[in-house]
Amino acid sequence: MGGIELAKYDGIDFTPPEGAREAAKRALDVRETKPPSQRGMTPVGIARARDLMNGVKLSPDTLRRMLSFLTRHEVDKKGSSWDEQGKGWQAWNGWGGDAGFSWARKVVGQMEARDKKTEFVAGRDCGQAEGGTFGPDNKCAVGYGRPAIKGGYKPTRPGGKIVPKSQINKPLPPPPPSGKPAPPKPLPPKPNPEKEQKPEKSEAIKKYEAKLKEFGIKNVDLPDNEKVAETITREAGDLHKRGYELVDSLGKKDYVKEYGDDWKGTLAAAGSGEVGGKLYQSINYNTSDLEKYDESVEKAVSSGLFSANNTFAHEHAHIEHARNLGTKRFVRLKNWATSTKTDRIKIAEEVSRYAKTNPLEFVSETFAGHISGKKYSKRVYDMYKYYGGPTLK
């Protein structure tokens, strides 16, 4: 929003209410559990849902688009897939749902009322002198409740004055005398990676890295964040005690830079396509971000989206799973078998909503939940074994 528009709508709250935030989160959670053919929302809708879920202040134009969208799509509530949380249901709630619709109507109404009271001053004589200054009346500075500026406005920075008409057709200065051209400036030296030194890590980080190597991880490069390092070391140590063979390497990777905003909330990912096994930890976290991450994961566990908050165990399970099956057989499990899809999704639902995504996530969610102390029904463990999940210890 520009400065004028900010002043124009001063006092109007553009922060989404709790109901709209919850509706957007539900929409994203449900969309994640659906097969690709049943996922609603365009990229714009997904971005809007994330903004609403995170309580981002919206601009006046966005509020108007939000109201327009919800007004057009209220009819989707009568659709055949509404009760099954189909595409229309996802899109409606992704834009804030009923709570968002009510809020958008209220805020847009406040903006329209403010628009009627606002005096726009375009086309007035500003009292501008030839040198680019304004006279004492300052008629163009009046508007939106602003008083005239006493004494006139005079630009103080270069380029602030308008060029007088008398100077517009002034002849250009003569070209510089001919002669030998000036020698080109030397190029800056190319960077030499061998000479560049990485910043020194803290002693605490070095101790965590040494401990992880004791657990059998050959190559370790932890993010320079002690809270992240402590979490990784503790969760890896728990698996090591249970007798699991840990990953070959554990390093930093900037997900957002490589994959975009979809990876902003990710702490770890497994290079599970490579049977050797790599586990990457995101370097996008400072202390406050990690606290938000911990809080969001706890909420996801309590709501049933995730089976446990042990991120390392979940990603490690992908690597163990790939080791058990081999890369080709592992990749084939990225979708449920069509003939048994409904029954197996019902079994996966006993573990978590994320476990319903596909057999790969079902195995990792079951593994992480079991490692964290949860016990499941016989049919969960039978299906886990059927898909070749890592041995549970």
Protein backbone atom coordinates (compact mmCIF):
# COMPACT_ATOMS: atom_id res chain seq x y z
CA MET A 1 0.00 0.00 0.00
CA GLY A 2 1.18 3.53 -0.76
CA GLY A 3 1.57 6.14 1.94
CA ILE A 4 -1.59 7.98 0.88
CA GLU A 5 -3.67 4.81 0.98
CA LEU A 6 -2.24 3.87 4.38
CA ALA A 7 -3.34 7.21 5.76
CA LYS A 8 -6.65 6.93 3.97
CA TYR A 9 -7.51 3.66 5.75
CA ASP A 10 -5.81 4.47 9.05
CA GLY A 11 -7.48 2.60 11.91
CA ILE A 12 -8.92 -0.23 9.77
CA ASP A 13 -7.57 -3.63 10.85
CA PHE A 14 -6.34 -5.69 7.87
CA THR A 15 -5.20 -8.65 10.05
CA PRO A 16 -7.19 -11.87 9.36
CA PRO A 17 -9.37 -13.03 12.29
CA GLU A 18 -8.80 -16.38 14.00
CA GLY A 19 -11.74 -18.04 12.22
CA ALA A 20 -10.35 -17.21 8.77
CA ARG A 21 -6.88 -18.40 9.79
CA GLU A 22 -8.25 -21.74 11.06
CA ALA A 23 -10.34 -22.24 7.90
CA ALA A 24 -7.29 -21.66 5.67
CA LYS A 25 -5.19 -24.11 7.72
CA ARG A 26 -7.92 -26.77 7.51
CA ALA A 27 -8.09 -26.31 3.75
CA LEU A 28 -4.33 -26.79 3.33
CA ASP A 29 -4.31 -29.82 5.65
CA VAL A 30 -7.20 -31.50 3.80
CA ARG A 31 -5.70 -30.70 0.39
CA GLU A 32 -2.47 -32.40 1.44
CA THR A 33 -4.30 -35.67 2.14
CA LYS A 34 -6.14 -35.73 -1.20
CA PRO A 35 -4.82 -37.43 -4.36
CA PRO A 36 -3.67 -34.94 -7.05
CA SER A 37 -6.90 -35.31 -9.05
CA GLN A 38 -8.98 -34.18 -6.05
CA ARG A 39 -6.87 -31.22 -4.93
CA GLY A 40 -8.47 -27.81 -5.23
CA MET A 41 -7.04 -24.27 -5.20
CA THR A 42 -4.91 -22.49 -7.78
CA PRO A 43 -1.37 -21.30 -6.95
CA VAL A 44 -2.91 -17.92 -6.08
CA GLY A 45 -5.42 -19.61 -3.78
CA ILE A 46 -2.69 -21.63 -2.06
CA ALA A 47 -0.62 -18.48 -1.51
CA ARG A 48 -3.67 -16.70 -0.10
CA ALA A 49 -4.41 -19.62 2.27
CA ARG A 50 -0.85 -19.54 3.58
CA ASP A 51 -1.05 -15.78 4.15
CA LEU A 52 -4.35 -16.15 6.02
CA MET A 53 -3.09 -19.11 8.07
CA ASN A 54 -0.02 -17.13 9.13
CA GLY A 55 -2.01 -14.01 10.01
CA VAL A 56 -0.37 -11.84 7.34
CA LYS A 57 -1.94 -8.38 7.01
CA LEU A 58 -3.67 -8.12 3.64
CA SER A 59 -3.70 -5.08 1.37
CA PRO A 60 -6.95 -3.25 0.48
CA ASP A 61 -6.79 -4.63 -3.07
CA THR A 62 -6.35 -8.18 -1.76
CA LEU A 63 -9.35 -7.75 0.56
CA ARG A 64 -11.46 -6.62 -2.39
CA ARG A 65 -10.35 -9.65 -4.45
CA MET A 66 -11.06 -11.91 -1.48
CA LEU A 67 -14.61 -10.55 -1.16
CA SER A 68 -15.15 -10.87 -4.92
CA PHE A 69 -13.95 -14.48 -4.95
CA LEU A 70 -16.06 -15.56 -1.97
CA THR A 71 -19.13 -13.79 -3.34
CA ARG A 72 -18.80 -15.64 -6.66
CA HIS A 73 -18.06 -19.03 -5.11
CA GLU A 74 -20.61 -19.19 -2.28
CA VAL A 75 -22.67 -21.27 -4.69
CA ASP A 76 -19.99 -24.01 -4.43
CA LYS A 77 -21.52 -24.99 -1.08
CA LYS A 78 -24.27 -26.69 -3.09
CA GLY A 79 -21.80 -28.79 -5.08
CA SER A 80 -21.87 -32.60 -4.98
CA SER A 81 -18.35 -32.89 -3.52
CA TRP A 82 -18.83 -30.33 -0.74
CA ASP A 83 -19.55 -32.89 2.01
CA GLU A 84 -16.48 -34.86 0.90
CA GLN A 85 -14.27 -31.77 1.27
CA GLY A 86 -13.73 -31.63 -2.48
CA LYS A 87 -12.19 -28.91 -4.62
CA GLY A 88 -14.92 -26.34 -3.96
CA TRP A 89 -14.76 -26.88 -0.20
CA GLN A 90 -10.96 -26.54 -0.25
CA ALA A 91 -11.04 -23.33 -2.31
CA TRP A 92 -13.78 -21.73 -0.18
CA ASN A 93 -11.97 -22.40 3.10
CA GLY A 94 -8.57 -21.61 1.58
CA TRP A 95 -9.85 -18.04 1.07
CA GLY A 96 -11.00 -17.87 4.72
CA GLY A 97 -14.33 -19.70 4.62
CA ASP A 98 -17.45 -18.29 6.29
CA ALA A 99 -15.40 -16.33 8.84
CA GLY A 100 -13.26 -14.84 6.07
CA PHE A 101 -16.35 -13.92 4.03
CA SER A 102 -17.91 -12.09 6.98
CA TRP A 103 -14.63 -10.30 7.75
CA ALA A 104 -14.01 -9.30 4.11
CA ARG A 105 -17.52 -7.82 3.85
CA LYS A 106 -16.98 -5.80 7.03
CA VAL A 107 -13.52 -4.46 6.08
CA VAL A 108 -14.48 -3.62 2.47
CA GLY A 109 -17.55 -1.83 3.84
CA GLN A 110 -15.29 0.22 6.13
CA MET A 111 -13.03 1.08 3.19
CA GLU A 112 -15.98 2.14 1.01
CA ALA A 113 -17.30 4.38 3.78
CA ARG A 114 -13.84 5.96 4.10
CA ASP A 115 -13.66 6.43 0.30
CA LYS A 116 -16.85 8.52 0.32
CA LYS A 117 -15.43 10.87 2.95
CA THR A 118 -12.07 11.32 1.18
CA GLU A 119 -11.51 14.48 -0.85
CA PHE A 120 -9.27 13.90 -3.86
CA VAL A 121 -7.46 17.01 -5.09
CA ALA A 122 -6.27 16.03 -8.59
CA GLY A 123 -6.42 18.79 -11.19
CA ARG A 124 -6.02 21.73 -8.82
CA ASP A 125 -3.69 24.64 -9.42
CA CYS A 126 -0.82 23.94 -7.05
CA GLY A 127 0.71 27.38 -7.19
CA GLN A 128 3.93 25.94 -8.68
CA ALA A 129 6.64 28.44 -9.59
CA GLU A 130 9.01 28.03 -12.55
CA GLY A 131 11.84 26.75 -10.36
CA GLY A 132 9.78 23.75 -9.27
CA THR A 133 8.70 25.05 -5.86
CA PHE A 134 5.19 25.43 -4.47
CA GLY A 135 3.55 28.60 -3.25
CA PRO A 136 2.28 29.10 0.30
CA ASP A 137 -1.25 27.87 -0.55
CA ASN A 138 -0.04 24.30 -1.28
CA LYS A 139 -3.44 23.25 -2.58
CA CYS A 140 -2.13 19.90 -3.88
CA ALA A 141 -0.81 18.95 -0.46
CA VAL A 142 -4.30 19.24 1.04
CA GLY A 143 -6.42 16.11 1.24
CA TYR A 144 -7.24 13.13 3.48
CA GLY A 145 -7.32 15.50 6.46
CA ARG A 146 -3.87 17.04 5.84
CA PRO A 147 -3.51 20.83 6.43
CA ALA A 148 -1.62 23.05 4.01
CA ILE A 149 2.13 23.25 4.60
CA LYS A 150 3.06 26.69 5.83
CA GLY A 151 5.68 28.56 3.84
CA GLY A 152 5.51 26.37 0.75
CA TYR A 153 7.31 23.17 -0.23
CA LYS A 154 10.85 23.33 -1.60
CA PRO A 155 12.63 20.20 -2.89
CA THR A 156 15.99 19.64 -1.16
CA ARG A 157 17.47 16.63 -2.98
CA PRO A 158 19.00 16.58 -6.51
CA GLY A 159 16.38 16.07 -9.19
CA GLY A 160 13.60 17.43 -7.01
CA LYS A 161 13.18 20.62 -9.05
CA ILE A 162 11.50 20.89 -12.42
CA VAL A 163 13.79 22.23 -15.19
CA PRO A 164 12.64 25.76 -16.18
CA LYS A 165 11.33 26.08 -19.75
CA SER A 166 14.13 28.58 -20.54
CA GLN A 167 16.72 25.78 -20.10
CA ILE A 168 14.97 23.00 -22.06
CA ASN A 169 16.39 24.01 -25.50
CA LYS A 170 19.81 25.02 -24.21
CA PRO A 171 22.60 23.65 -26.52
CA LEU A 172 24.52 20.60 -25.30
CA PRO A 173 28.13 21.04 -24.13
CA PRO A 174 30.85 20.28 -26.76
CA PRO A 175 32.19 16.68 -26.89
CA PRO A 176 35.53 15.97 -25.18
CA PRO A 177 38.70 16.36 -27.31
CA SER A 178 39.59 13.38 -29.48
CA GLY A 179 42.60 11.28 -28.60
CA LYS A 180 43.57 7.86 -27.41
CA PRO A 181 40.72 6.13 -25.59
CA ALA A 182 41.21 5.57 -21.91
CA PRO A 183 42.50 2.08 -21.10
CA PRO A 184 39.77 -0.32 -19.86
CA LYS A 185 39.49 -0.82 -16.14
CA PRO A 186 41.02 -4.10 -14.97
CA LEU A 187 38.50 -6.83 -14.15
CA PRO A 188 38.17 -7.83 -10.49
CA PRO A 189 40.03 -11.04 -9.60
CA LYS A 190 38.01 -14.27 -9.87
CA PRO A 191 37.08 -15.80 -6.52
CA ASN A 192 39.21 -18.73 -5.46
CA PRO A 193 37.14 -21.21 -3.42
CA GLU A 194 40.29 -22.85 -2.07
CA LYS A 195 41.43 -19.57 -0.52
CA GLU A 196 38.00 -18.64 0.89
CA GLN A 197 37.67 -19.71 4.49
CA LYS A 198 34.35 -20.83 5.98
CA PRO A 199 33.30 -19.03 9.18
CA GLU A 200 34.52 -20.74 12.32
CA LYS A 201 31.84 -22.83 14.05
CA SER A 202 31.17 -22.54 17.75
CA GLU A 203 32.60 -25.10 20.15
CA ALA A 204 29.12 -26.39 20.94
CA ILE A 205 28.40 -27.09 17.25
CA LYS A 206 31.77 -28.85 16.91
CA LYS A 207 30.91 -31.11 19.88
CA TYR A 208 27.54 -32.03 18.37
CA GLU A 209 29.20 -32.85 15.04
CA ALA A 210 31.80 -35.03 16.79
CA LYS A 211 29.02 -36.88 18.64
CA LEU A 212 27.12 -37.55 15.42
CA LYS A 213 30.25 -39.00 13.84
CA GLU A 214 30.51 -41.34 16.85
CA PHE A 215 27.01 -42.55 15.95
CA GLY A 216 28.37 -43.66 12.55
CA ILE A 217 27.46 -40.69 10.33
CA LYS A 218 30.53 -40.28 8.10
CA ASN A 219 30.08 -36.68 6.88
CA VAL A 220 28.51 -34.02 9.12
CA ASP A 221 27.97 -30.30 8.48
CA LEU A 222 25.44 -28.90 10.95
CA PRO A 223 23.68 -25.53 10.71
CA ASP A 224 25.23 -22.95 13.06
CA ASN A 225 22.25 -23.03 15.41
CA GLU A 226 22.74 -24.79 18.74
CA LYS A 227 19.06 -25.57 19.21
CA VAL A 228 18.86 -27.27 15.80
CA ALA A 229 22.12 -29.13 16.43
CA GLU A 230 20.94 -30.34 19.85
CA THR A 231 17.63 -31.60 18.42
CA ILE A 232 19.35 -33.47 15.58
CA THR A 233 21.94 -35.04 17.90
CA ARG A 234 19.35 -36.13 20.47
CA GLU A 235 17.02 -37.73 17.90
CA ALA A 236 19.90 -39.39 16.02
CA GLY A 237 21.29 -40.69 19.33
CA ASP A 238 17.95 -42.32 20.15
CA LEU A 239 18.02 -44.25 16.86
CA HIS A 240 21.68 -45.19 17.37
CA LYS A 241 20.91 -46.65 20.81
CA ARG A 242 18.19 -48.80 19.26
CA GLY A 243 20.71 -50.27 16.82
CA TYR A 244 19.77 -48.46 13.59
CA GLU A 245 22.44 -47.79 10.97
CA LEU A 246 22.38 -44.03 10.48
CA VAL A 247 22.74 -42.00 7.29
CA ASP A 248 26.00 -41.70 5.36
CA SER A 249 25.97 -37.91 5.42
CA LEU A 250 24.09 -35.13 7.15
CA GLY A 251 24.42 -31.62 5.79
CA LYS A 252 22.88 -28.20 5.23
CA LYS A 253 20.59 -27.36 2.35
CA ASP A 254 18.65 -24.19 1.65
CA TYR A 255 15.24 -25.51 0.57
CA VAL A 256 13.64 -22.13 -0.10
CA LYS A 257 16.47 -21.04 -2.41
CA GLU A 258 16.27 -24.30 -4.36
CA TYR A 259 12.57 -25.17 -4.32
CA GLY A 260 10.68 -21.97 -3.44
CA ASP A 261 8.32 -20.95 -0.64
CA ASP A 262 6.67 -24.39 -0.41
CA TRP A 263 9.69 -25.52 1.65
CA LYS A 264 9.70 -22.65 4.15
CA GLY A 265 8.41 -24.77 7.02
CA THR A 266 10.73 -27.72 6.45
CA LEU A 267 13.39 -28.72 8.96
CA ALA A 268 14.67 -31.86 7.25
CA ALA A 269 14.42 -34.00 4.13
CA ALA A 270 15.89 -37.34 3.13
CA GLY A 271 17.76 -38.06 -0.07
CA SER A 272 15.82 -41.31 -0.12
CA GLY A 273 16.22 -41.85 -3.86
CA GLU A 274 19.84 -42.66 -3.19
CA VAL A 275 20.12 -45.94 -1.32
CA GLY A 276 23.35 -44.73 0.36
CA GLY A 277 21.25 -42.24 2.31
CA LYS A 278 21.58 -38.49 2.83
CA LEU A 279 19.66 -36.36 5.27
CA TYR A 280 19.52 -32.59 4.79
CA GLN A 281 18.77 -30.06 7.52
CA SER A 282 17.39 -26.69 6.47
CA ILE A 283 19.60 -23.65 7.13
CA ASN A 284 16.62 -21.26 6.96
CA TYR A 285 16.08 -21.20 10.72
CA ASN A 286 17.17 -18.64 13.26
CA THR A 287 16.11 -19.09 16.90
CA SER A 288 12.71 -17.43 16.56
CA ASP A 289 11.91 -19.38 13.38
CA LEU A 290 12.76 -22.67 15.07
CA GLU A 291 10.51 -21.85 18.02
CA LYS A 292 7.68 -21.24 15.55
CA TYR A 293 8.55 -24.53 13.85
CA ASP A 294 8.44 -26.47 17.15
CA GLU A 295 5.09 -24.89 17.98
CA SER A 296 3.62 -25.65 14.55
CA VAL A 297 4.77 -29.30 14.68
CA GLU A 298 3.29 -29.76 18.16
CA LYS A 299 -0.02 -28.43 16.87
CA ALA A 300 0.20 -30.76 13.87
CA VAL A 301 0.76 -33.75 16.20
CA SER A 302 -2.08 -32.79 18.57
CA SER A 303 -4.45 -32.29 15.60
CA GLY A 304 -3.56 -35.71 14.15
CA LEU A 305 -1.81 -34.40 11.04
CA PHE A 306 1.55 -35.94 12.11
CA SER A 307 2.14 -39.04 14.20
CA ALA A 308 5.08 -37.59 16.17
CA ASN A 309 7.35 -34.54 16.37
CA ASN A 310 10.49 -36.64 15.68
CA THR A 311 11.46 -35.20 12.29
CA PHE A 312 14.79 -37.04 12.16
CA ALA A 313 13.09 -40.43 12.68
CA HIS A 314 10.54 -39.74 9.95
CA GLU A 315 13.21 -38.83 7.37
CA HIS A 316 15.52 -41.63 8.52
CA ALA A 317 12.68 -44.10 7.90
CA HIS A 318 12.57 -43.02 4.23
CA ILE A 319 16.28 -43.83 3.92
CA GLU A 320 15.96 -47.20 5.72
CA HIS A 321 12.93 -48.00 3.56
CA ALA A 322 14.91 -47.28 0.37
CA ARG A 323 17.77 -49.44 1.64
CA ASN A 324 15.36 -52.32 2.26
CA LEU A 325 13.61 -52.17 -1.12
CA GLY A 326 16.17 -50.71 -3.50
CA THR A 327 15.56 -47.43 -5.31
CA LYS A 328 13.27 -48.73 -8.10
CA ARG A 329 10.85 -50.60 -5.82
CA PHE A 330 10.88 -47.71 -3.34
CA VAL A 331 9.87 -45.12 -5.95
CA ARG A 332 6.98 -47.32 -7.13
CA LEU A 333 5.26 -46.80 -3.77
CA LYS A 334 4.61 -43.09 -4.36
CA ASN A 335 0.90 -43.87 -4.95
CA TRP A 336 -1.65 -46.22 -3.41
CA ALA A 337 -2.74 -49.20 -5.52
CA THR A 338 -6.07 -48.19 -7.07
CA SER A 339 -7.81 -51.50 -6.34
CA THR A 340 -7.15 -51.36 -2.58
CA LYS A 341 -6.86 -47.59 -2.11
CA THR A 342 -9.92 -46.97 0.08
CA ASP A 343 -9.27 -49.80 2.56
CA ARG A 344 -5.58 -48.99 2.96
CA ILE A 345 -6.17 -45.26 3.43
CA LYS A 346 -8.56 -46.14 6.27
CA ILE A 347 -5.79 -48.17 7.92
CA ALA A 348 -3.26 -45.36 7.39
CA GLU A 349 -5.69 -42.93 9.04
CA GLU A 350 -5.12 -44.76 12.34
CA VAL A 351 -1.54 -43.42 12.26
CA SER A 352 -2.05 -39.82 11.04
CA ARG A 353 -3.65 -37.79 8.29
CA TYR A 354 -0.26 -37.35 6.63
CA ALA A 355 0.16 -41.15 6.58
CA LYS A 356 -2.80 -41.26 4.16
CA THR A 357 -0.74 -39.46 1.46
CA ASN A 358 0.88 -42.60 0.01
CA PRO A 359 2.60 -45.84 1.19
CA LEU A 360 5.97 -44.07 1.58
CA GLU A 361 4.57 -41.53 4.06
CA PHE A 362 2.52 -44.22 5.81
CA VAL A 363 5.71 -46.20 6.51
CA SER A 364 7.66 -43.14 7.75
CA GLU A 365 4.78 -41.87 9.91
CA THR A 366 4.30 -45.33 11.47
CA PHE A 367 8.04 -45.62 12.14
CA ALA A 368 8.26 -42.15 13.76
CA GLY A 369 5.16 -42.77 15.89
CA HIS A 370 6.41 -46.17 17.05
CA ILE A 371 9.85 -44.78 17.91
CA SER A 372 8.11 -42.05 19.94
CA GLY A 373 6.26 -44.65 22.04
CA LYS A 374 2.96 -45.07 20.19
CA LYS A 375 1.41 -48.52 19.62
CA TYR A 376 -0.87 -49.35 16.70
CA SER A 377 -3.35 -52.05 15.74
CA LYS A 378 -2.32 -55.34 14.17
CA ARG A 379 -3.62 -54.28 10.77
CA VAL A 380 -1.37 -51.17 10.84
CA TYR A 381 1.71 -53.26 11.59
CA ASP A 382 0.69 -55.88 8.98
CA MET A 383 0.41 -53.21 6.27
CA TYR A 384 3.70 -51.65 7.45
CA LYS A 385 5.41 -55.03 7.01
CA TYR A 386 3.68 -55.57 3.63
CA TYR A 387 5.23 -52.35 2.30
CA GLY A 388 8.69 -53.32 3.55
CA GLY A 389 9.01 -50.82 6.38
CA PRO A 390 12.25 -50.79 8.46
CA THR A 391 12.45 -53.23 11.35
CA LEU A 392 10.81 -51.75 14.45
CA LYS A 393 13.02 -52.03 17.54
